[in-house]
Amino acid sequence: MQEQTNADLVRRSAQGDREAFVELISRYRSSLVSLIRRLTADLDEAEHLLQETLVHSWVNIGNVRRPERVQAWLLQVARNLCRDYHKSAERRMHPTEQSELANYLNRYGRAAPPDPRATEVREAMHSLPPAEREVVQLFYAHGFTIKEICDRTQSPAGTVKSRLFTARHHLRSFFGITDQEERKR
């Protein structure tokens, strides 16, 4: 039997075919799990966010504009839900778990002194608009190419490049680097 295309599975899923949806999700489950776990340190919350992603995807599968690129759409759904999770007031109300605190301990078991440069970089990143912040993180922190960022954000290459350019300019201004100093480098 010939394997069905993503477009076929999306079409069937949109018509209410649960088996088609299960087959579609099984193709990309590991990518979804990896992304959500990377964006969410708490494994319980990661599992919860995966379930939310699946439910949201099932309910909205009919809204997929480019069924052949359903993987990028699924990953964007997961990214958006993770972003919402991190923004939620409820999340900020919870005290930090011991396991999370362990990430800040050095190898001797003592809290590492905060690096003022790291704090400054975090502040600079948070000063960026969300779309630019996402592109900068994907490009510099995660090492994605422009094409990979386009696929993940469902944005044209020109938009991604423009966001990177604008973000770099904003970050230079944040750190007080003038255009003349930048040209000397």
N, C-alpha and C. Protein backbone atom coordinates (compact mmCIF):
# COMPACT_ATOMS: atom_id res chain seq x y z
N MET A 1 0.84 -1.19 0.00
CA MET A 1 0.00 0.00 0.00
C MET A 1 0.88 1.25 0.00
N GLN A 2 0.52 2.22 -0.80
CA GLN A 2 1.31 3.45 -0.94
C GLN A 2 1.10 4.36 0.27
N GLU A 3 2.21 4.93 0.75
CA GLU A 3 2.13 5.85 1.90
C GLU A 3 1.42 7.12 1.47
N GLN A 4 0.51 7.59 2.33
CA GLN A 4 -0.25 8.79 2.01
C GLN A 4 0.59 10.04 2.25
N THR A 5 0.32 11.04 1.44
CA THR A 5 1.04 12.31 1.58
C THR A 5 0.49 13.08 2.77
N ASN A 6 1.26 14.04 3.23
CA ASN A 6 0.79 14.90 4.31
C ASN A 6 -0.51 15.60 3.92
N ALA A 7 -0.58 16.05 2.66
CA ALA A 7 -1.78 16.75 2.20
C ALA A 7 -3.01 15.85 2.30
N ASP A 8 -2.86 14.57 1.92
CA ASP A 8 -3.98 13.62 2.03
C ASP A 8 -4.40 13.45 3.49
N LEU A 9 -3.40 13.30 4.38
CA LEU A 9 -3.70 13.10 5.79
C LEU A 9 -4.35 14.34 6.41
N VAL A 10 -3.89 15.52 6.02
CA VAL A 10 -4.49 16.76 6.52
C VAL A 10 -5.94 16.86 6.05
N ARG A 11 -6.17 16.58 4.77
CA ARG A 11 -7.53 16.65 4.22
C ARG A 11 -8.45 15.68 4.95
N ARG A 12 -8.01 14.45 5.11
CA ARG A 12 -8.83 13.44 5.80
C ARG A 12 -9.05 13.82 7.26
N SER A 13 -8.00 14.34 7.91
CA SER A 13 -8.14 14.76 9.32
C SER A 13 -9.16 15.87 9.45
N ALA A 14 -9.11 16.82 8.52
CA ALA A 14 -10.05 17.95 8.54
C ALA A 14 -11.49 17.48 8.37
N GLN A 15 -11.66 16.32 7.74
CA GLN A 15 -13.00 15.76 7.56
C GLN A 15 -13.41 14.89 8.75
N GLY A 16 -12.55 14.83 9.79
CA GLY A 16 -12.89 14.10 11.00
C GLY A 16 -12.32 12.70 11.10
N ASP A 17 -11.42 12.33 10.19
CA ASP A 17 -10.82 10.99 10.21
C ASP A 17 -9.72 10.94 11.27
N ARG A 18 -10.02 10.33 12.40
CA ARG A 18 -9.08 10.28 13.51
C ARG A 18 -7.85 9.43 13.18
N GLU A 19 -8.03 8.37 12.43
CA GLU A 19 -6.89 7.51 12.08
C GLU A 19 -5.89 8.28 11.23
N ALA A 20 -6.38 9.11 10.33
CA ALA A 20 -5.48 9.93 9.51
C ALA A 20 -4.70 10.90 10.39
N PHE A 21 -5.38 11.49 11.37
CA PHE A 21 -4.72 12.43 12.27
C PHE A 21 -3.65 11.71 13.10
N VAL A 22 -3.98 10.53 13.61
CA VAL A 22 -3.01 9.75 14.39
C VAL A 22 -1.79 9.42 13.54
N GLU A 23 -2.01 9.04 12.28
CA GLU A 23 -0.88 8.74 11.40
C GLU A 23 -0.04 9.99 11.15
N LEU A 24 -0.70 11.11 10.95
CA LEU A 24 0.00 12.38 10.72
C LEU A 24 0.84 12.75 11.94
N ILE A 25 0.27 12.68 13.11
CA ILE A 25 0.98 13.03 14.34
C ILE A 25 2.13 12.07 14.59
N SER A 26 1.93 10.80 14.29
CA SER A 26 3.01 9.83 14.52
C SER A 26 4.25 10.16 13.69
N ARG A 27 4.07 10.80 12.55
CA ARG A 27 5.20 11.20 11.72
C ARG A 27 6.05 12.27 12.40
N TYR A 28 5.41 13.15 13.18
CA TYR A 28 6.10 14.32 13.71
C TYR A 28 6.11 14.39 15.23
N ARG A 29 5.68 13.33 15.88
CA ARG A 29 5.61 13.34 17.35
C ARG A 29 6.99 13.60 17.98
N SER A 30 8.02 12.94 17.47
CA SER A 30 9.35 13.10 18.08
C SER A 30 9.84 14.55 17.92
N SER A 31 9.56 15.18 16.79
CA SER A 31 9.95 16.59 16.60
C SER A 31 9.19 17.48 17.58
N LEU A 32 7.90 17.20 17.76
CA LEU A 32 7.09 17.98 18.69
C LEU A 32 7.60 17.81 20.12
N VAL A 33 7.87 16.57 20.51
CA VAL A 33 8.35 16.30 21.86
C VAL A 33 9.69 17.00 22.09
N SER A 34 10.60 16.91 21.14
CA SER A 34 11.92 17.55 21.28
C SER A 34 11.79 19.05 21.44
N LEU A 35 10.97 19.66 20.60
CA LEU A 35 10.79 21.12 20.67
C LEU A 35 10.20 21.54 22.00
N ILE A 36 9.14 20.87 22.42
CA ILE A 36 8.46 21.25 23.66
C ILE A 36 9.37 21.04 24.85
N ARG A 37 10.12 19.95 24.87
CA ARG A 37 11.03 19.71 26.00
C ARG A 37 12.14 20.74 26.03
N ARG A 38 12.59 21.18 24.86
CA ARG A 38 13.65 22.19 24.81
C ARG A 38 13.13 23.54 25.31
N LEU A 39 11.87 23.83 25.01
CA LEU A 39 11.30 25.12 25.39
C LEU A 39 10.73 25.13 26.80
N THR A 40 10.56 23.95 27.40
CA THR A 40 9.95 23.83 28.72
C THR A 40 10.80 22.90 29.57
N ALA A 41 11.37 23.39 30.63
CA ALA A 41 12.26 22.59 31.47
C ALA A 41 11.51 21.53 32.28
N ASP A 42 10.27 21.78 32.63
CA ASP A 42 9.47 20.89 33.47
C ASP A 42 8.86 19.78 32.62
N LEU A 43 9.23 18.51 32.89
CA LEU A 43 8.74 17.39 32.09
C LEU A 43 7.23 17.22 32.19
N ASP A 44 6.66 17.46 33.38
CA ASP A 44 5.21 17.35 33.53
C ASP A 44 4.51 18.39 32.66
N GLU A 45 5.02 19.61 32.69
CA GLU A 45 4.44 20.66 31.86
C GLU A 45 4.66 20.37 30.38
N ALA A 46 5.79 19.79 30.04
CA ALA A 46 6.06 19.44 28.64
C ALA A 46 5.02 18.43 28.15
N GLU A 47 4.70 17.46 28.98
CA GLU A 47 3.68 16.47 28.61
C GLU A 47 2.32 17.15 28.45
N HIS A 48 2.02 18.04 29.38
CA HIS A 48 0.75 18.80 29.31
C HIS A 48 0.70 19.63 28.03
N LEU A 49 1.80 20.30 27.70
CA LEU A 49 1.83 21.14 26.50
C LEU A 49 1.75 20.30 25.22
N LEU A 50 2.32 19.09 25.25
CA LEU A 50 2.19 18.20 24.09
C LEU A 50 0.72 17.85 23.89
N GLN A 51 0.01 17.52 24.97
CA GLN A 51 -1.41 17.20 24.87
C GLN A 51 -2.20 18.40 24.34
N GLU A 52 -1.89 19.58 24.85
CA GLU A 52 -2.56 20.80 24.36
C GLU A 52 -2.30 21.01 22.87
N THR A 53 -1.06 20.74 22.47
CA THR A 53 -0.69 20.88 21.05
C THR A 53 -1.52 19.94 20.19
N LEU A 54 -1.65 18.70 20.65
CA LEU A 54 -2.41 17.71 19.88
C LEU A 54 -3.89 18.10 19.79
N VAL A 55 -4.46 18.54 20.90
CA VAL A 55 -5.87 18.93 20.90
C VAL A 55 -6.08 20.14 20.00
N HIS A 56 -5.23 21.14 20.17
CA HIS A 56 -5.34 22.35 19.34
C HIS A 56 -5.19 22.00 17.86
N SER A 57 -4.25 21.13 17.55
CA SER A 57 -4.02 20.73 16.16
C SER A 57 -5.23 20.00 15.59
N TRP A 58 -5.81 19.09 16.38
CA TRP A 58 -6.97 18.33 15.92
C TRP A 58 -8.14 19.28 15.64
N VAL A 59 -8.37 20.22 16.54
CA VAL A 59 -9.49 21.14 16.39
C VAL A 59 -9.29 22.08 15.20
N ASN A 60 -8.04 22.46 14.95
CA ASN A 60 -7.75 23.48 13.93
C ASN A 60 -7.10 22.94 12.66
N ILE A 61 -7.07 21.63 12.48
CA ILE A 61 -6.38 21.05 11.32
C ILE A 61 -6.97 21.56 10.00
N GLY A 62 -8.23 21.94 10.01
CA GLY A 62 -8.85 22.47 8.80
C GLY A 62 -8.32 23.84 8.40
N ASN A 63 -7.60 24.50 9.29
CA ASN A 63 -7.05 25.83 9.01
C ASN A 63 -5.67 25.80 8.38
N VAL A 64 -5.11 24.62 8.17
CA VAL A 64 -3.77 24.51 7.58
C VAL A 64 -3.85 25.01 6.14
N ARG A 65 -3.09 26.05 5.84
CA ARG A 65 -3.11 26.65 4.49
C ARG A 65 -2.27 25.86 3.50
N ARG A 66 -1.15 25.31 3.99
CA ARG A 66 -0.26 24.56 3.08
C ARG A 66 -0.07 23.16 3.66
N PRO A 67 -0.97 22.24 3.34
CA PRO A 67 -0.94 20.90 3.93
C PRO A 67 0.38 20.17 3.73
N GLU A 68 1.09 20.47 2.66
CA GLU A 68 2.37 19.79 2.43
C GLU A 68 3.43 20.23 3.45
N ARG A 69 3.17 21.36 4.13
CA ARG A 69 4.09 21.86 5.16
C ARG A 69 3.49 21.75 6.55
N VAL A 70 2.73 20.69 6.77
CA VAL A 70 2.03 20.53 8.03
C VAL A 70 2.99 20.41 9.21
N GLN A 71 4.19 19.88 8.99
CA GLN A 71 5.15 19.77 10.10
C GLN A 71 5.49 21.16 10.65
N ALA A 72 5.74 22.11 9.78
CA ALA A 72 6.05 23.47 10.24
C ALA A 72 4.85 24.05 10.98
N TRP A 73 3.64 23.77 10.51
CA TRP A 73 2.43 24.27 11.18
C TRP A 73 2.31 23.66 12.57
N LEU A 74 2.52 22.35 12.69
CA LEU A 74 2.44 21.67 13.99
C LEU A 74 3.48 22.23 14.97
N LEU A 75 4.70 22.44 14.48
CA LEU A 75 5.76 22.98 15.34
C LEU A 75 5.43 24.41 15.78
N GLN A 76 4.81 25.18 14.90
CA GLN A 76 4.42 26.54 15.27
C GLN A 76 3.32 26.53 16.32
N VAL A 77 2.39 25.60 16.21
CA VAL A 77 1.34 25.46 17.24
C VAL A 77 2.01 25.19 18.59
N ALA A 78 2.95 24.24 18.61
CA ALA A 78 3.65 23.90 19.85
C ALA A 78 4.42 25.09 20.39
N ARG A 79 5.13 25.81 19.52
CA ARG A 79 5.90 26.98 19.93
C ARG A 79 4.98 28.04 20.54
N ASN A 80 3.85 28.28 19.91
CA ASN A 80 2.92 29.30 20.41
C ASN A 80 2.37 28.91 21.78
N LEU A 81 2.04 27.64 21.95
CA LEU A 81 1.52 27.20 23.25
C LEU A 81 2.61 27.29 24.33
N CYS A 82 3.84 26.97 23.98
CA CYS A 82 4.94 27.11 24.94
C CYS A 82 5.15 28.57 25.30
N ARG A 83 5.07 29.43 24.30
CA ARG A 83 5.23 30.87 24.53
C ARG A 83 4.12 31.37 25.47
N ASP A 84 2.89 30.94 25.21
CA ASP A 84 1.77 31.33 26.08
C ASP A 84 1.98 30.81 27.50
N TYR A 85 2.49 29.60 27.61
CA TYR A 85 2.74 29.01 28.93
C TYR A 85 3.74 29.87 29.71
N HIS A 86 4.81 30.29 29.06
CA HIS A 86 5.82 31.10 29.74
C HIS A 86 5.32 32.50 30.08
N LYS A 87 4.35 32.99 29.33
CA LYS A 87 3.81 34.33 29.59
C LYS A 87 2.75 34.31 30.69
N SER A 88 2.19 33.16 30.96
CA SER A 88 1.01 33.11 31.84
C SER A 88 1.33 33.57 33.26
N ALA A 89 0.41 34.30 33.82
CA ALA A 89 0.57 34.79 35.20
C ALA A 89 0.59 33.63 36.17
N GLU A 90 -0.20 32.59 35.90
CA GLU A 90 -0.24 31.43 36.79
C GLU A 90 1.15 30.83 36.93
N ARG A 91 1.87 30.71 35.85
CA ARG A 91 3.21 30.13 35.87
C ARG A 91 4.14 30.95 36.75
N ARG A 92 4.03 32.28 36.67
CA ARG A 92 4.91 33.14 37.45
C ARG A 92 4.61 33.08 38.93
N MET A 93 3.41 32.62 39.29
CA MET A 93 3.02 32.56 40.70
C MET A 93 3.63 31.36 41.41
N HIS A 94 4.06 30.36 40.67
CA HIS A 94 4.63 29.15 41.27
C HIS A 94 6.06 29.41 41.73
N PRO A 95 6.41 28.92 42.92
CA PRO A 95 7.81 29.06 43.35
C PRO A 95 8.71 28.17 42.48
N THR A 96 9.96 28.52 42.42
CA THR A 96 10.92 27.75 41.64
C THR A 96 11.15 26.41 42.30
N GLU A 97 11.09 25.36 41.50
CA GLU A 97 11.30 24.00 42.00
C GLU A 97 12.78 23.77 42.29
N GLN A 98 13.04 22.87 43.21
CA GLN A 98 14.42 22.52 43.56
C GLN A 98 15.19 22.03 42.33
N SER A 99 14.53 21.24 41.48
CA SER A 99 15.22 20.72 40.30
C SER A 99 15.66 21.85 39.37
N GLU A 100 14.84 22.92 39.27
CA GLU A 100 15.22 24.06 38.46
C GLU A 100 16.38 24.82 39.09
N LEU A 101 16.36 24.92 40.41
CA LEU A 101 17.45 25.61 41.09
C LEU A 101 18.78 24.90 40.88
N ALA A 102 18.73 23.59 40.74
CA ALA A 102 19.96 22.81 40.53
C ALA A 102 20.67 23.26 39.26
N ASN A 103 19.93 23.76 38.28
CA ASN A 103 20.55 24.24 37.05
C ASN A 103 21.47 25.42 37.30
N TYR A 104 21.24 26.14 38.41
CA TYR A 104 22.04 27.32 38.71
C TYR A 104 23.20 27.04 39.66
N LEU A 105 23.34 25.81 40.05
CA LEU A 105 24.43 25.46 40.97
C LEU A 105 25.68 25.09 40.19
N ASN A 106 26.82 25.45 40.72
CA ASN A 106 28.03 25.06 40.04
C ASN A 106 28.42 23.63 40.44
N ARG A 107 29.48 23.12 39.93
CA ARG A 107 29.83 21.73 40.18
C ARG A 107 30.20 21.44 41.62
N TYR A 108 30.40 22.45 42.44
CA TYR A 108 30.72 22.24 43.85
C TYR A 108 29.48 22.31 44.74
N GLY A 109 28.31 22.49 44.10
CA GLY A 109 27.08 22.52 44.87
C GLY A 109 26.75 23.87 45.47
N ARG A 110 27.52 24.89 45.11
CA ARG A 110 27.22 26.23 45.60
C ARG A 110 26.65 27.05 44.45
N ALA A 111 25.80 27.96 44.81
CA ALA A 111 25.20 28.80 43.77
C ALA A 111 26.31 29.59 43.07
N ALA A 112 26.26 29.55 41.77
CA ALA A 112 27.25 30.31 40.99
C ALA A 112 26.88 31.78 41.05
N PRO A 113 27.86 32.65 41.21
CA PRO A 113 27.54 34.08 41.24
C PRO A 113 26.98 34.50 39.87
N PRO A 114 25.99 35.35 39.86
CA PRO A 114 25.43 35.77 38.58
C PRO A 114 26.46 36.54 37.77
N ASP A 115 26.52 36.25 36.51
CA ASP A 115 27.43 36.94 35.61
C ASP A 115 26.72 38.21 35.13
N PRO A 116 27.28 39.37 35.44
CA PRO A 116 26.60 40.61 35.04
C PRO A 116 26.43 40.72 33.52
N ARG A 117 27.35 40.14 32.76
CA ARG A 117 27.20 40.19 31.30
C ARG A 117 26.00 39.37 30.86
N ALA A 118 25.79 38.21 31.50
CA ALA A 118 24.65 37.37 31.15
C ALA A 118 23.34 38.09 31.47
N THR A 119 23.31 38.78 32.59
CA THR A 119 22.12 39.53 32.97
C THR A 119 21.85 40.63 31.95
N GLU A 120 22.91 41.29 31.51
CA GLU A 120 22.78 42.35 30.52
C GLU A 120 22.27 41.81 29.18
N VAL A 121 22.77 40.65 28.79
CA VAL A 121 22.33 40.03 27.54
C VAL A 121 20.86 39.63 27.64
N ARG A 122 20.46 39.06 28.78
CA ARG A 122 19.05 38.70 28.98
C ARG A 122 18.16 39.93 28.88
N GLU A 123 18.58 41.03 29.50
CA GLU A 123 17.81 42.27 29.44
C GLU A 123 17.71 42.77 27.99
N ALA A 124 18.81 42.68 27.28
CA ALA A 124 18.81 43.12 25.88
C ALA A 124 17.86 42.26 25.05
N MET A 125 17.89 40.96 25.27
CA MET A 125 17.01 40.05 24.52
C MET A 125 15.55 40.35 24.85
N HIS A 126 15.25 40.59 26.10
CA HIS A 126 13.87 40.87 26.48
C HIS A 126 13.39 42.22 25.97
N SER A 127 14.30 43.09 25.59
CA SER A 127 13.91 44.39 25.06
C SER A 127 13.51 44.29 23.58
N LEU A 128 13.82 43.16 22.94
CA LEU A 128 13.46 42.96 21.54
C LEU A 128 11.98 42.62 21.43
N PRO A 129 11.34 43.00 20.34
CA PRO A 129 9.97 42.55 20.08
C PRO A 129 9.98 41.01 19.95
N PRO A 130 8.88 40.33 20.30
CA PRO A 130 8.86 38.86 20.32
C PRO A 130 9.30 38.20 19.01
N ALA A 131 8.87 38.71 17.87
CA ALA A 131 9.23 38.08 16.59
C ALA A 131 10.74 38.17 16.35
N GLU A 132 11.33 39.30 16.66
CA GLU A 132 12.77 39.47 16.48
C GLU A 132 13.54 38.63 17.50
N ARG A 133 13.05 38.57 18.73
CA ARG A 133 13.69 37.77 19.77
C ARG A 133 13.73 36.30 19.35
N GLU A 134 12.61 35.81 18.81
CA GLU A 134 12.55 34.41 18.40
C GLU A 134 13.58 34.11 17.30
N VAL A 135 13.66 34.99 16.31
CA VAL A 135 14.60 34.79 15.20
C VAL A 135 16.05 34.81 15.70
N VAL A 136 16.37 35.75 16.59
CA VAL A 136 17.73 35.85 17.14
C VAL A 136 18.07 34.58 17.92
N GLN A 137 17.14 34.12 18.74
CA GLN A 137 17.40 32.91 19.53
C GLN A 137 17.59 31.69 18.62
N LEU A 138 16.75 31.56 17.60
CA LEU A 138 16.88 30.42 16.69
C LEU A 138 18.21 30.48 15.93
N PHE A 139 18.60 31.68 15.50
CA PHE A 139 19.81 31.83 14.70
C PHE A 139 21.08 31.69 15.54
N TYR A 140 21.16 32.43 16.64
CA TYR A 140 22.40 32.46 17.43
C TYR A 140 22.46 31.38 18.51
N ALA A 141 21.37 31.20 19.25
CA ALA A 141 21.42 30.25 20.37
C ALA A 141 21.27 28.81 19.91
N HIS A 142 20.42 28.59 18.89
CA HIS A 142 20.16 27.22 18.47
C HIS A 142 20.87 26.85 17.17
N GLY A 143 21.46 27.83 16.49
CA GLY A 143 22.26 27.55 15.31
C GLY A 143 21.47 27.20 14.06
N PHE A 144 20.21 27.61 13.96
CA PHE A 144 19.42 27.30 12.78
C PHE A 144 19.84 28.21 11.62
N THR A 145 19.71 27.69 10.42
CA THR A 145 19.98 28.49 9.22
C THR A 145 18.76 29.36 8.93
N ILE A 146 18.93 30.31 8.01
CA ILE A 146 17.81 31.16 7.61
C ILE A 146 16.67 30.30 7.08
N LYS A 147 16.98 29.33 6.25
CA LYS A 147 15.95 28.45 5.69
C LYS A 147 15.22 27.68 6.79
N GLU A 148 15.95 27.16 7.76
CA GLU A 148 15.32 26.42 8.86
C GLU A 148 14.42 27.34 9.69
N ILE A 149 14.87 28.58 9.88
CA ILE A 149 14.04 29.54 10.62
C ILE A 149 12.77 29.85 9.83
N CYS A 150 12.92 29.99 8.52
CA CYS A 150 11.74 30.23 7.66
C CYS A 150 10.73 29.10 7.83
N ASP A 151 11.23 27.87 7.80
CA ASP A 151 10.35 26.71 7.95
C ASP A 151 9.68 26.69 9.32
N ARG A 152 10.45 26.99 10.35
CA ARG A 152 9.91 26.92 11.72
C ARG A 152 8.93 28.05 12.02
N THR A 153 9.17 29.22 11.47
CA THR A 153 8.30 30.37 11.78
C THR A 153 7.27 30.62 10.69
N GLN A 154 7.35 29.85 9.62
CA GLN A 154 6.46 30.03 8.47
C GLN A 154 6.52 31.47 7.96
N SER A 155 7.75 31.97 7.84
CA SER A 155 7.97 33.34 7.37
C SER A 155 8.87 33.29 6.14
N PRO A 156 8.71 34.25 5.23
CA PRO A 156 9.60 34.31 4.07
C PRO A 156 11.03 34.68 4.49
N ALA A 157 12.00 34.30 3.67
CA ALA A 157 13.41 34.57 3.98
C ALA A 157 13.67 36.06 4.18
N GLY A 158 13.04 36.89 3.36
CA GLY A 158 13.23 38.34 3.50
C GLY A 158 12.79 38.85 4.87
N THR A 159 11.71 38.30 5.37
CA THR A 159 11.21 38.71 6.69
C THR A 159 12.18 38.29 7.78
N VAL A 160 12.68 37.05 7.68
CA VAL A 160 13.63 36.55 8.68
C VAL A 160 14.90 37.39 8.66
N LYS A 161 15.42 37.67 7.47
CA LYS A 161 16.64 38.48 7.36
C LYS A 161 16.41 39.90 7.89
N SER A 162 15.25 40.45 7.58
CA SER A 162 14.93 41.80 8.07
C SER A 162 14.84 41.82 9.59
N ARG A 163 14.22 40.79 10.17
CA ARG A 163 14.12 40.72 11.63
C ARG A 163 15.50 40.58 12.27
N LEU A 164 16.36 39.78 11.67
CA LEU A 164 17.73 39.65 12.18
C LEU A 164 18.47 40.98 12.10
N PHE A 165 18.36 41.65 10.98
CA PHE A 165 19.03 42.94 10.79
C PHE A 165 18.55 43.95 11.83
N THR A 166 17.23 44.05 11.98
CA THR A 166 16.65 44.99 12.94
C THR A 166 17.06 44.65 14.37
N ALA A 167 17.05 43.35 14.69
CA ALA A 167 17.42 42.92 16.04
C ALA A 167 18.88 43.24 16.32
N ARG A 168 19.76 42.99 15.34
CA ARG A 168 21.19 43.30 15.54
C ARG A 168 21.37 44.80 15.80
N HIS A 169 20.67 45.61 15.00
CA HIS A 169 20.77 47.07 15.18
C HIS A 169 20.28 47.45 16.58
N HIS A 170 19.16 46.88 16.99
CA HIS A 170 18.60 47.17 18.31
C HIS A 170 19.59 46.76 19.41
N LEU A 171 20.18 45.58 19.27
CA LEU A 171 21.12 45.09 20.29
C LEU A 171 22.38 45.95 20.35
N ARG A 172 22.87 46.37 19.18
CA ARG A 172 24.03 47.26 19.16
C ARG A 172 23.71 48.56 19.91
N SER A 173 22.53 49.10 19.64
CA SER A 173 22.11 50.33 20.33
C SER A 173 21.99 50.09 21.83
N PHE A 174 21.43 48.95 22.21
CA PHE A 174 21.27 48.62 23.63
C PHE A 174 22.61 48.63 24.34
N PHE A 175 23.65 48.09 23.67
CA PHE A 175 24.98 48.01 24.27
C PHE A 175 25.84 49.22 23.97
N GLY A 176 25.28 50.21 23.26
CA GLY A 176 26.01 51.44 23.00
C GLY A 176 27.10 51.31 21.95
N ILE A 177 26.95 50.37 21.04
CA ILE A 177 27.93 50.18 19.97
C ILE A 177 27.48 51.01 18.78
N THR A 178 28.32 51.92 18.36
CA THR A 178 27.97 52.78 17.22
C THR A 178 28.29 52.06 15.92
N ASP A 179 27.74 52.58 14.83
CA ASP A 179 27.99 52.00 13.51
C ASP A 179 29.48 52.06 13.16
N GLN A 180 30.18 53.15 13.58
CA GLN A 180 31.61 53.27 13.29
C GLN A 180 32.40 52.18 14.02
N GLU A 181 32.04 51.92 15.27
CA GLU A 181 32.74 50.86 16.03
C GLU A 181 32.50 49.51 15.39
N GLU A 182 31.29 49.28 14.90
CA GLU A 182 30.95 48.01 14.29
C GLU A 182 31.75 47.81 13.00
N ARG A 183 31.95 48.86 12.22
CA ARG A 183 32.70 48.74 10.98
C ARG A 183 34.17 48.40 11.22
N LYS A 184 34.71 48.80 12.39
CA LYS A 184 36.11 48.52 12.71
C LYS A 184 36.34 47.05 13.02
N ARG A 185 35.31 46.33 13.36
CA ARG A 185 35.46 44.92 13.77
C ARG A 185 35.70 44.02 12.62
